[in-house]
């Protein structure tokens, strides 16, 4: 009695499914969730600071406590942190997942001041 062709192809299908499962599992292991807090030089939380994974649109903003959480970030990525009135900062993750980031205030000096008075 001959076996049906279905049973002969089944091991090949299992190999493909196994390969795909291994591939997807390996990919999921390289991403992580990053959490932290953004503060200024006096330790005051920076509200509305933008945190973005460099080179992508994956990003978030800080809440009223200066805290943030960003998901699906590779372990070797860089984060770009910016806020109005502060200098932009880049941080390399190096496998870390929790940060406290201190932003420095931007110092812009004016060369001259123009005053106009209307009467």
PDB file of N, CA and C in Angstrom:
ATOM      1  N   UNK A   1       0.830  -1.168   0.000  1.00  0.00           N
ATOM      2  CA  UNK A   1       0.000   0.000   0.000  1.00  0.00           C
ATOM      3  C   UNK A   1       0.886   1.246   0.000  1.00  0.00           C
ATOM      4  N   UNK A   2       0.614   2.192  -0.875  1.00  0.00           N
ATOM      5  CA  UNK A   2       1.433   3.388  -1.014  1.00  0.00           C
ATOM      6  C   UNK A   2       0.921   4.493  -0.089  1.00  0.00           C
ATOM      7  N   UNK A   3       1.891   5.291   0.418  1.00  0.00           N
ATOM      8  CA  UNK A   3       1.513   6.439   1.239  1.00  0.00           C
ATOM      9  C   UNK A   3       1.094   7.592   0.337  1.00  0.00           C
ATOM     10  N   UNK A   4       0.235   8.425   0.847  1.00  0.00           N
ATOM     11  CA  UNK A   4      -0.200   9.584   0.074  1.00  0.00           C
ATOM     12  C   UNK A   4       0.911  10.632   0.069  1.00  0.00           C
ATOM     13  N   UNK A   5       0.931  11.455  -0.974  1.00  0.00           N
ATOM     14  CA  UNK A   5       1.950  12.490  -1.108  1.00  0.00           C
ATOM     15  C   UNK A   5       1.886  13.511   0.034  1.00  0.00           C
ATOM     16  N   UNK A   6       0.735  13.685   0.624  1.00  0.00           N
ATOM     17  CA  UNK A   6       0.586  14.637   1.719  1.00  0.00           C
ATOM     18  C   UNK A   6       1.542  14.322   2.862  1.00  0.00           C
ATOM     19  N   UNK A   7       1.651  13.055   3.207  1.00  0.00           N
ATOM     20  CA  UNK A   7       2.506  12.660   4.313  1.00  0.00           C
ATOM     21  C   UNK A   7       3.983  12.799   3.973  1.00  0.00           C
ATOM     22  N   UNK A   8       4.321  12.739   2.709  1.00  0.00           N
ATOM     23  CA  UNK A   8       5.720  12.895   2.313  1.00  0.00           C
ATOM     24  C   UNK A   8       6.145  14.364   2.384  1.00  0.00           C
ATOM     25  N   UNK A   9       5.239  15.306   2.176  1.00  0.00           N
ATOM     26  CA  UNK A   9       5.568  16.729   2.198  1.00  0.00           C
ATOM     27  C   UNK A   9       5.467  17.329   3.600  1.00  0.00           C
ATOM     28  N   UNK A  10       4.871  16.649   4.516  1.00  0.00           N
ATOM     29  CA  UNK A  10       4.651  17.191   5.849  1.00  0.00           C
ATOM     30  C   UNK A  10       5.960  17.567   6.555  1.00  0.00           C
ATOM     31  N   UNK A  11       7.008  16.783   6.527  1.00  0.00           N
ATOM     32  CA  UNK A  11       8.248  17.196   7.192  1.00  0.00           C
ATOM     33  C   UNK A  11       8.826  18.492   6.625  1.00  0.00           C
ATOM     34  N   UNK A  12       8.701  18.731   5.332  1.00  0.00           N
ATOM     35  CA  UNK A  12       9.209  19.968   4.733  1.00  0.00           C
ATOM     36  C   UNK A  12       8.413  21.169   5.245  1.00  0.00           C
ATOM     37  N   UNK A  13       7.111  21.021   5.371  1.00  0.00           N
ATOM     38  CA  UNK A  13       6.269  22.100   5.901  1.00  0.00           C
ATOM     39  C   UNK A  13       6.633  22.392   7.355  1.00  0.00           C
ATOM     40  N   UNK A  14       6.901  21.360   8.138  1.00  0.00           N
ATOM     41  CA  UNK A  14       7.279  21.548   9.531  1.00  0.00           C
ATOM     42  C   UNK A  14       8.612  22.281   9.647  1.00  0.00           C
ATOM     43  N   UNK A  15       9.535  21.994   8.751  1.00  0.00           N
ATOM     44  CA  UNK A  15      10.829  22.675   8.766  1.00  0.00           C
ATOM     45  C   UNK A  15      10.655  24.173   8.499  1.00  0.00           C
ATOM     46  N   UNK A  16       9.786  24.502   7.555  1.00  0.00           N
ATOM     47  CA  UNK A  16       9.546  25.906   7.226  1.00  0.00           C
ATOM     48  C   UNK A  16       8.900  26.624   8.402  1.00  0.00           C
ATOM     49  N   UNK A  17       7.902  26.006   9.013  1.00  0.00           N
ATOM     50  CA  UNK A  17       7.226  26.609  10.162  1.00  0.00           C
ATOM     51  C   UNK A  17       8.211  26.783  11.313  1.00  0.00           C
ATOM     52  N   UNK A  18       9.031  25.801  11.578  1.00  0.00           N
ATOM     53  CA  UNK A  18      10.033  25.872  12.640  1.00  0.00           C
ATOM     54  C   UNK A  18      11.020  27.013  12.377  1.00  0.00           C
ATOM     55  N   UNK A  19      11.449  27.138  11.120  1.00  0.00           N
ATOM     56  CA  UNK A  19      12.370  28.212  10.741  1.00  0.00           C
ATOM     57  C   UNK A  19      11.747  29.585  10.989  1.00  0.00           C
ATOM     58  N   UNK A  20      10.491  29.767  10.604  1.00  0.00           N
ATOM     59  CA  UNK A  20       9.818  31.048  10.794  1.00  0.00           C
ATOM     60  C   UNK A  20       9.637  31.377  12.276  1.00  0.00           C
ATOM     61  N   UNK A  21       9.299  30.383  13.078  1.00  0.00           N
ATOM     62  CA  UNK A  21       9.142  30.596  14.515  1.00  0.00           C
ATOM     63  C   UNK A  21      10.480  31.021  15.132  1.00  0.00           C
ATOM     64  N   UNK A  22      11.549  30.363  14.756  1.00  0.00           N
ATOM     65  CA  UNK A  22      12.879  30.728  15.271  1.00  0.00           C
ATOM     66  C   UNK A  22      13.270  32.135  14.834  1.00  0.00           C
ATOM     67  N   UNK A  23      12.967  32.481  13.610  1.00  0.00           N
ATOM     68  CA  UNK A  23      13.297  33.799  13.083  1.00  0.00           C
ATOM     69  C   UNK A  23      12.554  34.897  13.841  1.00  0.00           C
ATOM     70  N   UNK A  24      11.263  34.720  14.041  1.00  0.00           N
ATOM     71  CA  UNK A  24      10.465  35.717  14.743  1.00  0.00           C
ATOM     72  C   UNK A  24      10.825  35.802  16.220  1.00  0.00           C
ATOM     73  N   UNK A  25      11.134  34.696  16.838  1.00  0.00           N
ATOM     74  CA  UNK A  25      11.523  34.696  18.242  1.00  0.00           C
ATOM     75  C   UNK A  25      12.849  35.426  18.422  1.00  0.00           C
ATOM     76  N   UNK A  26      13.774  35.223  17.526  1.00  0.00           N
ATOM     77  CA  UNK A  26      15.064  35.908  17.590  1.00  0.00           C
ATOM     78  C   UNK A  26      14.917  37.395  17.417  1.00  0.00           C
ATOM     79  N   UNK A  27      14.011  37.841  16.571  1.00  0.00           N
ATOM     80  CA  UNK A  27      13.794  39.261  16.354  1.00  0.00           C
ATOM     81  C   UNK A  27      13.191  39.912  17.587  1.00  0.00           C
ATOM     82  N   UNK A  28      12.239  39.262  18.209  1.00  0.00           N
ATOM     83  CA  UNK A  28      11.574  39.828  19.384  1.00  0.00           C
ATOM     84  C   UNK A  28      12.554  40.002  20.543  1.00  0.00           C
ATOM     85  N   UNK A  29      13.580  39.194  20.597  1.00  0.00           N
ATOM     86  CA  UNK A  29      14.550  39.278  21.684  1.00  0.00           C
ATOM     87  C   UNK A  29      15.502  40.453  21.577  1.00  0.00           C
ATOM     88  N   UNK A  30      15.566  41.115  20.418  1.00  0.00           N
ATOM     89  CA  UNK A  30      16.503  42.217  20.254  1.00  0.00           C
ATOM     90  C   UNK A  30      15.876  43.575  20.563  1.00  0.00           C
ATOM     91  N   UNK A  31      14.565  43.647  20.745  1.00  0.00           N
ATOM     92  CA  UNK A  31      13.906  44.911  21.056  1.00  0.00           C
ATOM     93  C   UNK A  31      13.592  44.975  22.549  1.00  0.00           C
ATOM     94  N   UNK A  32      13.522  46.191  23.064  1.00  0.00           N
ATOM     95  CA  UNK A  32      13.260  46.355  24.487  1.00  0.00           C
ATOM     96  C   UNK A  32      12.426  47.609  24.724  1.00  0.00           C
ATOM     97  N   UNK A  33      11.925  47.748  25.933  1.00  0.00           N
ATOM     98  CA  UNK A  33      11.200  48.941  26.343  1.00  0.00           C
ATOM     99  C   UNK A  33      12.124  49.806  27.185  1.00  0.00           C
ATOM    100  N   UNK A  34      12.215  51.073  26.832  1.00  0.00           N
ATOM    101  CA  UNK A  34      13.081  52.013  27.524  1.00  0.00           C
ATOM    102  C   UNK A  34      12.203  52.932  28.385  1.00  0.00           C
ATOM    103  N   UNK A  35      12.572  53.101  29.639  1.00  0.00           N
ATOM    104  CA  UNK A  35      11.855  54.009  30.531  1.00  0.00           C
ATOM    105  C   UNK A  35      12.846  54.972  31.151  1.00  0.00           C
ATOM    106  N   UNK A  36      12.324  56.078  31.649  1.00  0.00           N
ATOM    107  CA  UNK A  36      13.221  57.019  32.300  1.00  0.00           C
ATOM    108  C   UNK A  36      12.549  58.310  32.667  1.00  0.00           C
ATOM    109  N   UNK A  37      13.393  59.266  33.041  1.00  0.00           N
ATOM    110  CA  UNK A  37      12.923  60.576  33.469  1.00  0.00           C
ATOM    111  C   UNK A  37      13.862  61.628  32.895  1.00  0.00           C
ATOM    112  N   UNK A  38      13.283  62.736  32.429  1.00  0.00           N
ATOM    113  CA  UNK A  38      14.067  63.849  31.901  1.00  0.00           C
ATOM    114  C   UNK A  38      13.932  65.019  32.866  1.00  0.00           C
ATOM    115  N   UNK A  39      15.081  65.529  33.330  1.00  0.00           N
ATOM    116  CA  UNK A  39      15.102  66.645  34.273  1.00  0.00           C
ATOM    117  C   UNK A  39      16.048  67.729  33.758  1.00  0.00           C
ATOM    118  N   UNK A  40      15.916  68.938  34.336  1.00  0.00           N
ATOM    119  CA  UNK A  40      16.863  70.000  34.004  1.00  0.00           C
ATOM    120  C   UNK A  40      18.021  69.967  34.994  1.00  0.00           C
ATOM    121  N   UNK A  41      18.899  70.958  34.928  1.00  0.00           N
ATOM    122  CA  UNK A  41      20.102  70.965  35.768  1.00  0.00           C
ATOM    123  C   UNK A  41      19.798  71.106  37.259  1.00  0.00           C
ATOM    124  N   UNK A  42      18.622  71.612  37.601  1.00  0.00           N
ATOM    125  CA  UNK A  42      18.235  71.729  39.006  1.00  0.00           C
ATOM    126  C   UNK A  42      17.439  70.503  39.479  1.00  0.00           C
ATOM    127  N   UNK A  43      17.230  69.543  38.614  1.00  0.00           N
ATOM    128  CA  UNK A  43      16.488  68.342  38.973  1.00  0.00           C
ATOM    129  C   UNK A  43      14.985  68.471  38.801  1.00  0.00           C
ATOM    130  N   UNK A  44      14.533  69.559  38.185  1.00  0.00           N
ATOM    131  CA  UNK A  44      13.101  69.777  37.947  1.00  0.00           C
ATOM    132  C   UNK A  44      12.687  69.004  36.690  1.00  0.00           C
ATOM    133  N   UNK A  45      11.584  68.246  36.726  1.00  0.00           N
ATOM    134  CA  UNK A  45      11.141  67.476  35.559  1.00  0.00           C
ATOM    135  C   UNK A  45      10.875  68.375  34.356  1.00  0.00           C
ATOM    136  N   UNK A  46      11.272  67.915  33.174  1.00  0.00           N
ATOM    137  CA  UNK A  46      11.029  68.638  31.932  1.00  0.00           C
ATOM    138  C   UNK A  46       9.765  68.053  31.300  1.00  0.00           C
ATOM    139  N   UNK A  47       8.713  68.848  31.245  1.00  0.00           N
ATOM    140  CA  UNK A  47       7.429  68.400  30.699  1.00  0.00           C
ATOM    141  C   UNK A  47       7.436  68.580  29.184  1.00  0.00           C
ATOM    142  N   UNK A  48       6.990  67.572  28.448  1.00  0.00           N
ATOM    143  CA  UNK A  48       6.854  67.666  27.002  1.00  0.00           C
ATOM    144  C   UNK A  48       8.143  67.508  26.226  1.00  0.00           C
ATOM    145  N   UNK A  49       9.194  66.984  26.843  1.00  0.00           N
ATOM    146  CA  UNK A  49      10.436  66.708  26.108  1.00  0.00           C
ATOM    147  C   UNK A  49      10.176  65.557  25.134  1.00  0.00           C
ATOM    148  N   UNK A  50      10.806  65.613  23.975  1.00  0.00           N
ATOM    149  CA  UNK A  50      10.617  64.602  22.947  1.00  0.00           C
ATOM    150  C   UNK A  50      11.761  63.603  22.990  1.00  0.00           C
ATOM    151  N   UNK A  51      11.423  62.320  23.014  1.00  0.00           N
ATOM    152  CA  UNK A  51      12.407  61.238  22.991  1.00  0.00           C
ATOM    153  C   UNK A  51      12.121  60.404  21.751  1.00  0.00           C
ATOM    154  N   UNK A  52      13.102  60.316  20.830  1.00  0.00           N
ATOM    155  CA  UNK A  52      12.916  59.605  19.567  1.00  0.00           C
ATOM    156  C   UNK A  52      14.103  58.684  19.336  1.00  0.00           C
ATOM    157  N   UNK A  53      13.809  57.471  18.849  1.00  0.00           N
ATOM    158  CA  UNK A  53      14.871  56.563  18.418  1.00  0.00           C
ATOM    159  C   UNK A  53      15.478  57.155  17.151  1.00  0.00           C
ATOM    160  N   UNK A  54      16.786  57.388  17.147  1.00  0.00           N
ATOM    161  CA  UNK A  54      17.462  58.061  16.033  1.00  0.00           C
ATOM    162  C   UNK A  54      17.244  57.312  14.723  1.00  0.00           C
ATOM    163  N   UNK A  55      16.857  58.066  13.688  1.00  0.00           N
ATOM    164  CA  UNK A  55      16.665  57.508  12.364  1.00  0.00           C
ATOM    165  C   UNK A  55      15.302  56.856  12.140  1.00  0.00           C
ATOM    166  N   UNK A  56      14.405  56.955  13.110  1.00  0.00           N
ATOM    167  CA  UNK A  56      13.070  56.364  12.980  1.00  0.00           C
ATOM    168  C   UNK A  56      12.009  57.372  13.420  1.00  0.00           C
ATOM    169  N   UNK A  57      10.749  56.946  13.329  1.00  0.00           N
ATOM    170  CA  UNK A  57       9.633  57.739  13.846  1.00  0.00           C
ATOM    171  C   UNK A  57       9.171  57.212  15.196  1.00  0.00           C
ATOM    172  N   UNK A  58       9.892  56.254  15.758  1.00  0.00           N
ATOM    173  CA  UNK A  58       9.533  55.649  17.037  1.00  0.00           C
ATOM    174  C   UNK A  58       9.899  56.611  18.154  1.00  0.00           C
ATOM    175  N   UNK A  59       8.882  57.220  18.784  1.00  0.00           N
ATOM    176  CA  UNK A  59       9.181  58.196  19.811  1.00  0.00           C
ATOM    177  C   UNK A  59       8.024  58.438  20.748  1.00  0.00           C
ATOM    178  N   UNK A  60       8.272  59.308  21.732  1.00  0.00           N
ATOM    179  CA  UNK A  60       7.271  59.653  22.732  1.00  0.00           C
ATOM    180  C   UNK A  60       7.634  60.998  23.343  1.00  0.00           C
ATOM    181  N   UNK A  61       6.782  61.480  24.260  1.00  0.00           N
ATOM    182  CA  UNK A  61       7.070  62.706  24.998  1.00  0.00           C
ATOM    183  C   UNK A  61       6.953  62.437  26.491  1.00  0.00           C
ATOM    184  N   UNK A  62       7.559  63.308  27.286  1.00  0.00           N
ATOM    185  CA  UNK A  62       7.498  63.131  28.735  1.00  0.00           C
ATOM    186  C   UNK A  62       6.171  63.637  29.285  1.00  0.00           C
ATOM    187  N   UNK A  63       5.759  63.057  30.401  1.00  0.00           N
ATOM    188  CA  UNK A  63       4.510  63.478  31.057  1.00  0.00           C
ATOM    189  C   UNK A  63       4.800  64.611  32.039  1.00  0.00           C
ATOM    190  N   UNK A  64       3.832  64.957  32.887  1.00  0.00           N
ATOM    191  CA  UNK A  64       4.011  66.081  33.823  1.00  0.00           C
ATOM    192  C   UNK A  64       5.066  65.805  34.886  1.00  0.00           C
ATOM    193  N   UNK A  65       5.442  64.547  35.067  1.00  0.00           N
ATOM    194  CA  UNK A  65       6.499  64.191  36.015  1.00  0.00           C
ATOM    195  C   UNK A  65       7.855  64.045  35.335  1.00  0.00           C
ATOM    196  N   UNK A  66       7.906  64.305  34.010  1.00  0.00           N
ATOM    197  CA  UNK A  66       9.146  64.165  33.255  1.00  0.00           C
ATOM    198  C   UNK A  66       9.467  62.732  32.883  1.00  0.00           C
ATOM    199  N   UNK A  67       8.535  61.804  33.106  1.00  0.00           N
ATOM    200  CA  UNK A  67       8.770  60.383  32.841  1.00  0.00           C
ATOM    201  C   UNK A  67       8.336  60.014  31.428  1.00  0.00           C
ATOM    202  N   UNK A  68       8.992  58.982  30.887  1.00  0.00           N
ATOM    203  CA  UNK A  68       8.652  58.509  29.547  1.00  0.00           C
ATOM    204  C   UNK A  68       8.828  57.006  29.473  1.00  0.00           C
ATOM    205  N   UNK A  69       8.230  56.415  28.433  1.00  0.00           N
ATOM    206  CA  UNK A  69       8.383  54.997  28.122  1.00  0.00           C
ATOM    207  C   UNK A  69       8.272  54.854  26.611  1.00  0.00           C
ATOM    208  N   UNK A  70       9.242  54.185  26.014  1.00  0.00           N
ATOM    209  CA  UNK A  70       9.261  53.979  24.569  1.00  0.00           C
ATOM    210  C   UNK A  70       9.526  52.501  24.304  1.00  0.00           C
ATOM    211  N   UNK A  71       8.732  51.890  23.419  1.00  0.00           N
ATOM    212  CA  UNK A  71       8.804  50.444  23.188  1.00  0.00           C
ATOM    213  C   UNK A  71       9.446  50.115  21.844  1.00  0.00           C
ATOM    214  N   UNK A  72       9.779  48.846  21.688  1.00  0.00           N
ATOM    215  CA  UNK A  72      10.350  48.292  20.452  1.00  0.00           C
ATOM    216  C   UNK A  72      11.615  49.008  20.009  1.00  0.00           C
ATOM    217  N   UNK A  73      12.528  49.213  20.953  1.00  0.00           N
ATOM    218  CA  UNK A  73      13.799  49.872  20.663  1.00  0.00           C
ATOM    219  C   UNK A  73      14.911  48.827  20.680  1.00  0.00           C
ATOM    220  N   UNK A  74      15.707  48.729  19.611  1.00  0.00           N
ATOM    221  CA  UNK A  74      16.833  47.794  19.618  1.00  0.00           C
ATOM    222  C   UNK A  74      17.833  48.131  20.721  1.00  0.00           C
ATOM    223  N   UNK A  75      18.537  47.112  21.214  1.00  0.00           N
ATOM    224  CA  UNK A  75      19.466  47.300  22.336  1.00  0.00           C
ATOM    225  C   UNK A  75      20.658  48.190  22.002  1.00  0.00           C
ATOM    226  N   UNK A  76      20.985  48.325  20.726  1.00  0.00           N
ATOM    227  CA  UNK A  76      22.154  49.132  20.343  1.00  0.00           C
ATOM    228  C   UNK A  76      21.755  50.472  19.723  1.00  0.00           C
ATOM    229  N   UNK A  77      20.522  50.913  19.914  1.00  0.00           N
ATOM    230  CA  UNK A  77      20.024  52.148  19.295  1.00  0.00           C
ATOM    231  C   UNK A  77      20.514  53.385  20.046  1.00  0.00           C
ATOM    232  N   UNK A  78      20.270  54.546  19.436  1.00  0.00           N
ATOM    233  CA  UNK A  78      20.534  55.836  20.071  1.00  0.00           C
ATOM    234  C   UNK A  78      19.208  56.562  20.235  1.00  0.00           C
ATOM    235  N   UNK A  79      19.063  57.260  21.354  1.00  0.00           N
ATOM    236  CA  UNK A  79      17.895  58.088  21.580  1.00  0.00           C
ATOM    237  C   UNK A  79      18.286  59.548  21.435  1.00  0.00           C
ATOM    238  N   UNK A  80      17.400  60.340  20.817  1.00  0.00           N
ATOM    239  CA  UNK A  80      17.604  61.779  20.687  1.00  0.00           C
ATOM    240  C   UNK A  80      16.566  62.452  21.574  1.00  0.00           C
ATOM    241  N   UNK A  81      17.040  63.252  22.531  1.00  0.00           N
ATOM    242  CA  UNK A  81      16.166  63.927  23.480  1.00  0.00           C
ATOM    243  C   UNK A  81      16.252  65.430  23.216  1.00  0.00           C
ATOM    244  N   UNK A  82      15.084  66.075  23.066  1.00  0.00           N
ATOM    245  CA  UNK A  82      15.069  67.512  22.811  1.00  0.00           C
ATOM    246  C   UNK A  82      13.852  68.147  23.457  1.00  0.00           C
ATOM    247  N   UNK A  83      13.996  69.441  23.747  1.00  0.00           N
ATOM    248  CA  UNK A  83      12.905  70.224  24.304  1.00  0.00           C
ATOM    249  C   UNK A  83      13.213  71.693  24.054  1.00  0.00           C
ATOM    250  N   UNK A  84      12.174  72.500  23.945  1.00  0.00           N
ATOM    251  CA  UNK A  84      12.344  73.927  23.701  1.00  0.00           C
ATOM    252  C   UNK A  84      13.094  74.554  24.876  1.00  0.00           C
ATOM    253  N   UNK A  85      14.151  75.314  24.555  1.00  0.00           N
ATOM    254  CA  UNK A  85      14.929  75.985  25.589  1.00  0.00           C
ATOM    255  C   UNK A  85      16.080  75.156  26.129  1.00  0.00           C
ATOM    256  N   UNK A  86      16.234  73.921  25.629  1.00  0.00           N
ATOM    257  CA  UNK A  86      17.304  73.035  26.089  1.00  0.00           C
ATOM    258  C   UNK A  86      18.125  72.552  24.900  1.00  0.00           C
ATOM    259  N   UNK A  87      19.381  72.197  25.155  1.00  0.00           N
ATOM    260  CA  UNK A  87      20.245  71.653  24.115  1.00  0.00           C
ATOM    261  C   UNK A  87      19.831  70.215  23.805  1.00  0.00           C
ATOM    262  N   UNK A  88      19.872  69.862  22.526  1.00  0.00           N
ATOM    263  CA  UNK A  88      19.546  68.507  22.095  1.00  0.00           C
ATOM    264  C   UNK A  88      20.630  67.555  22.595  1.00  0.00           C
ATOM    265  N   UNK A  89      20.219  66.344  22.992  1.00  0.00           N
ATOM    266  CA  UNK A  89      21.166  65.369  23.534  1.00  0.00           C
ATOM    267  C   UNK A  89      20.921  64.004  22.902  1.00  0.00           C
ATOM    268  N   UNK A  90      21.996  63.278  22.621  1.00  0.00           N
ATOM    269  CA  UNK A  90      21.904  61.909  22.107  1.00  0.00           C
ATOM    270  C   UNK A  90      22.480  60.956  23.139  1.00  0.00           C
ATOM    271  N   UNK A  91      21.783  59.831  23.332  1.00  0.00           N
ATOM    272  CA  UNK A  91      22.230  58.833  24.297  1.00  0.00           C
ATOM    273  C   UNK A  91      22.262  57.476  23.618  1.00  0.00           C
ATOM    274  N   UNK A  92      23.388  56.783  23.732  1.00  0.00           N
ATOM    275  CA  UNK A  92      23.505  55.415  23.221  1.00  0.00           C
ATOM    276  C   UNK A  92      23.052  54.462  24.319  1.00  0.00           C
ATOM    277  N   UNK A  93      22.195  53.496  23.970  1.00  0.00           N
ATOM    278  CA  UNK A  93      21.593  52.626  24.980  1.00  0.00           C
ATOM    279  C   UNK A  93      22.574  51.629  25.580  1.00  0.00           C
ATOM    280  N   UNK A  94      23.389  51.000  24.761  1.00  0.00           N
ATOM    281  CA  UNK A  94      24.344  49.989  25.237  1.00  0.00           C
ATOM    282  C   UNK A  94      23.682  48.924  26.105  1.00  0.00           C
ATOM    283  N   UNK A  95      22.458  48.525  25.756  1.00  0.00           N
ATOM    284  CA  UNK A  95      21.774  47.459  26.483  1.00  0.00           C
ATOM    285  C   UNK A  95      21.033  47.902  27.727  1.00  0.00           C
ATOM    286  N   UNK A  96      21.202  49.166  28.164  1.00  0.00           N
ATOM    287  CA  UNK A  96      20.476  49.659  29.342  1.00  0.00           C
ATOM    288  C   UNK A  96      19.026  49.925  28.971  1.00  0.00           C
ATOM    289  N   UNK A  97      18.145  49.866  29.967  1.00  0.00           N
ATOM    290  CA  UNK A  97      16.734  50.094  29.678  1.00  0.00           C
ATOM    291  C   UNK A  97      16.101  51.159  30.573  1.00  0.00           C
ATOM    292  N   UNK A  98      16.861  51.732  31.501  1.00  0.00           N
ATOM    293  CA  UNK A  98      16.317  52.761  32.385  1.00  0.00           C
ATOM    294  C   UNK A  98      17.309  53.911  32.493  1.00  0.00           C
ATOM    295  N   UNK A  99      16.806  55.145  32.339  1.00  0.00           N
ATOM    296  CA  UNK A  99      17.681  56.309  32.300  1.00  0.00           C
ATOM    297  C   UNK A  99      17.106  57.471  33.097  1.00  0.00           C
ATOM    298  N   UNK A 100      18.001  58.301  33.622  1.00  0.00           N
ATOM    299  CA  UNK A 100      17.663  59.632  34.104  1.00  0.00           C
ATOM    300  C   UNK A 100      18.510  60.580  33.273  1.00  0.00           C
ATOM    301  N   UNK A 101      17.851  61.428  32.495  1.00  0.00           N
ATOM    302  CA  UNK A 101      18.532  62.285  31.532  1.00  0.00           C
ATOM    303  C   UNK A 101      18.448  63.727  32.007  1.00  0.00           C
ATOM    304  N   UNK A 102      19.602  64.391  32.081  1.00  0.00           N
ATOM    305  CA  UNK A 102      19.651  65.796  32.494  1.00  0.00           C
ATOM    306  C   UNK A 102      19.932  66.652  31.265  1.00  0.00           C
ATOM    307  N   UNK A 103      18.998  67.555  30.959  1.00  0.00           N
ATOM    308  CA  UNK A 103      19.157  68.463  29.822  1.00  0.00           C
ATOM    309  C   UNK A 103      19.745  69.786  30.306  1.00  0.00           C
ATOM    310  N   UNK A 104      20.653  70.336  29.495  1.00  0.00           N
ATOM    311  CA  UNK A 104      21.258  71.640  29.802  1.00  0.00           C
ATOM    312  C   UNK A 104      20.469  72.742  29.098  1.00  0.00           C
ATOM    313  N   UNK A 105      20.298  73.863  29.801  1.00  0.00           N
ATOM    314  CA  UNK A 105      19.588  74.990  29.201  1.00  0.00           C
ATOM    315  C   UNK A 105      20.414  75.587  28.081  1.00  0.00           C
ATOM    316  N   UNK A 106      19.721  76.020  27.032  1.00  0.00           N
ATOM    317  CA  UNK A 106      20.359  76.671  25.895  1.00  0.00           C
ATOM    318  C   UNK A 106      20.663  78.111  26.280  1.00  0.00           C
ATOM    319  N   UNK A 107      21.879  78.529  26.026  1.00  0.00           N
ATOM    320  CA  UNK A 107      22.236  79.913  26.322  1.00  0.00           C
ATOM    321  C   UNK A 107      22.463  80.653  25.020  1.00  0.00           C
ATOM    322  N   UNK A 108      21.521  81.493  24.676  1.00  0.00           N
ATOM    323  CA  UNK A 108      21.635  82.334  23.476  1.00  0.00           C
ATOM    324  C   UNK A 108      21.855  83.764  23.923  1.00  0.00           C
ATOM    325  N   UNK A 109      22.934  84.355  23.449  1.00  0.00           N
ATOM    326  CA  UNK A 109      23.215  85.729  23.805  1.00  0.00           C
ATOM    327  C   UNK A 109      22.897  86.620  22.610  1.00  0.00           C
ATOM    328  N   UNK A 110      22.242  87.715  22.888  1.00  0.00           N
ATOM    329  CA  UNK A 110      21.926  88.668  21.827  1.00  0.00           C
ATOM    330  C   UNK A 110      23.084  89.641  21.672  1.00  0.00           C
ATOM    331  N   UNK A 111      23.404  89.970  20.430  1.00  0.00           N
ATOM    332  CA  UNK A 111      24.460  90.942  20.164  1.00  0.00           C
ATOM    333  C   UNK A 111      23.983  92.366  20.394  1.00  0.00           C
ATOM    334  N   UNK A 112      22.728  92.640  20.100  1.00  0.00           N
ATOM    335  CA  UNK A 112      22.214  93.986  20.282  1.00  0.00           C
ATOM    336  C   UNK A 112      20.720  93.912  20.567  1.00  0.00           C
ATOM    337  N   UNK A 113      20.225  94.967  21.169  1.00  0.00           N
ATOM    338  CA  UNK A 113      18.811  95.041  21.494  1.00  0.00           C
ATOM    339  C   UNK A 113      18.225  96.277  20.827  1.00  0.00           C
ATOM    340  N   UNK A 114      17.081  96.115  20.214  1.00  0.00           N
ATOM    341  CA  UNK A 114      16.409  97.227  19.561  1.00  0.00           C
ATOM    342  C   UNK A 114      15.143  97.520  20.346  1.00  0.00           C
ATOM    343  N   UNK A 115      15.003  98.799  20.744  1.00  0.00           N
ATOM    344  CA  UNK A 115      13.816  99.214  21.489  1.00  0.00           C
ATOM    345  C   UNK A 115      13.086 100.257  20.657  1.00  0.00           C
ATOM    346  N   UNK A 116      11.809 100.044  20.461  1.00  0.00           N
ATOM    347  CA  UNK A 116      10.993 101.014  19.720  1.00  0.00           C
ATOM    348  C   UNK A 116       9.869 101.475  20.627  1.00  0.00           C
ATOM    349  N   UNK A 117       9.683 102.754  20.607  1.00  0.00           N
ATOM    350  CA  UNK A 117       8.610 103.329  21.410  1.00  0.00           C
ATOM    351  C   UNK A 117       7.666 104.088  20.492  1.00  0.00           C
ATOM    352  N   UNK A 118       6.418 103.889  20.688  1.00  0.00           N
ATOM    353  CA  UNK A 118       5.417 104.603  19.917  1.00  0.00           C
ATOM    354  C   UNK A 118       4.635 105.493  20.857  1.00  0.00           C
ATOM    355  N   UNK A 119       4.397 106.722  20.406  1.00  0.00           N
ATOM    356  CA  UNK A 119       3.698 107.656  21.269  1.00  0.00           C
ATOM    357  C   UNK A 119       2.385 108.098  20.697  1.00  0.00           C
TER     358      UNK A 119
END
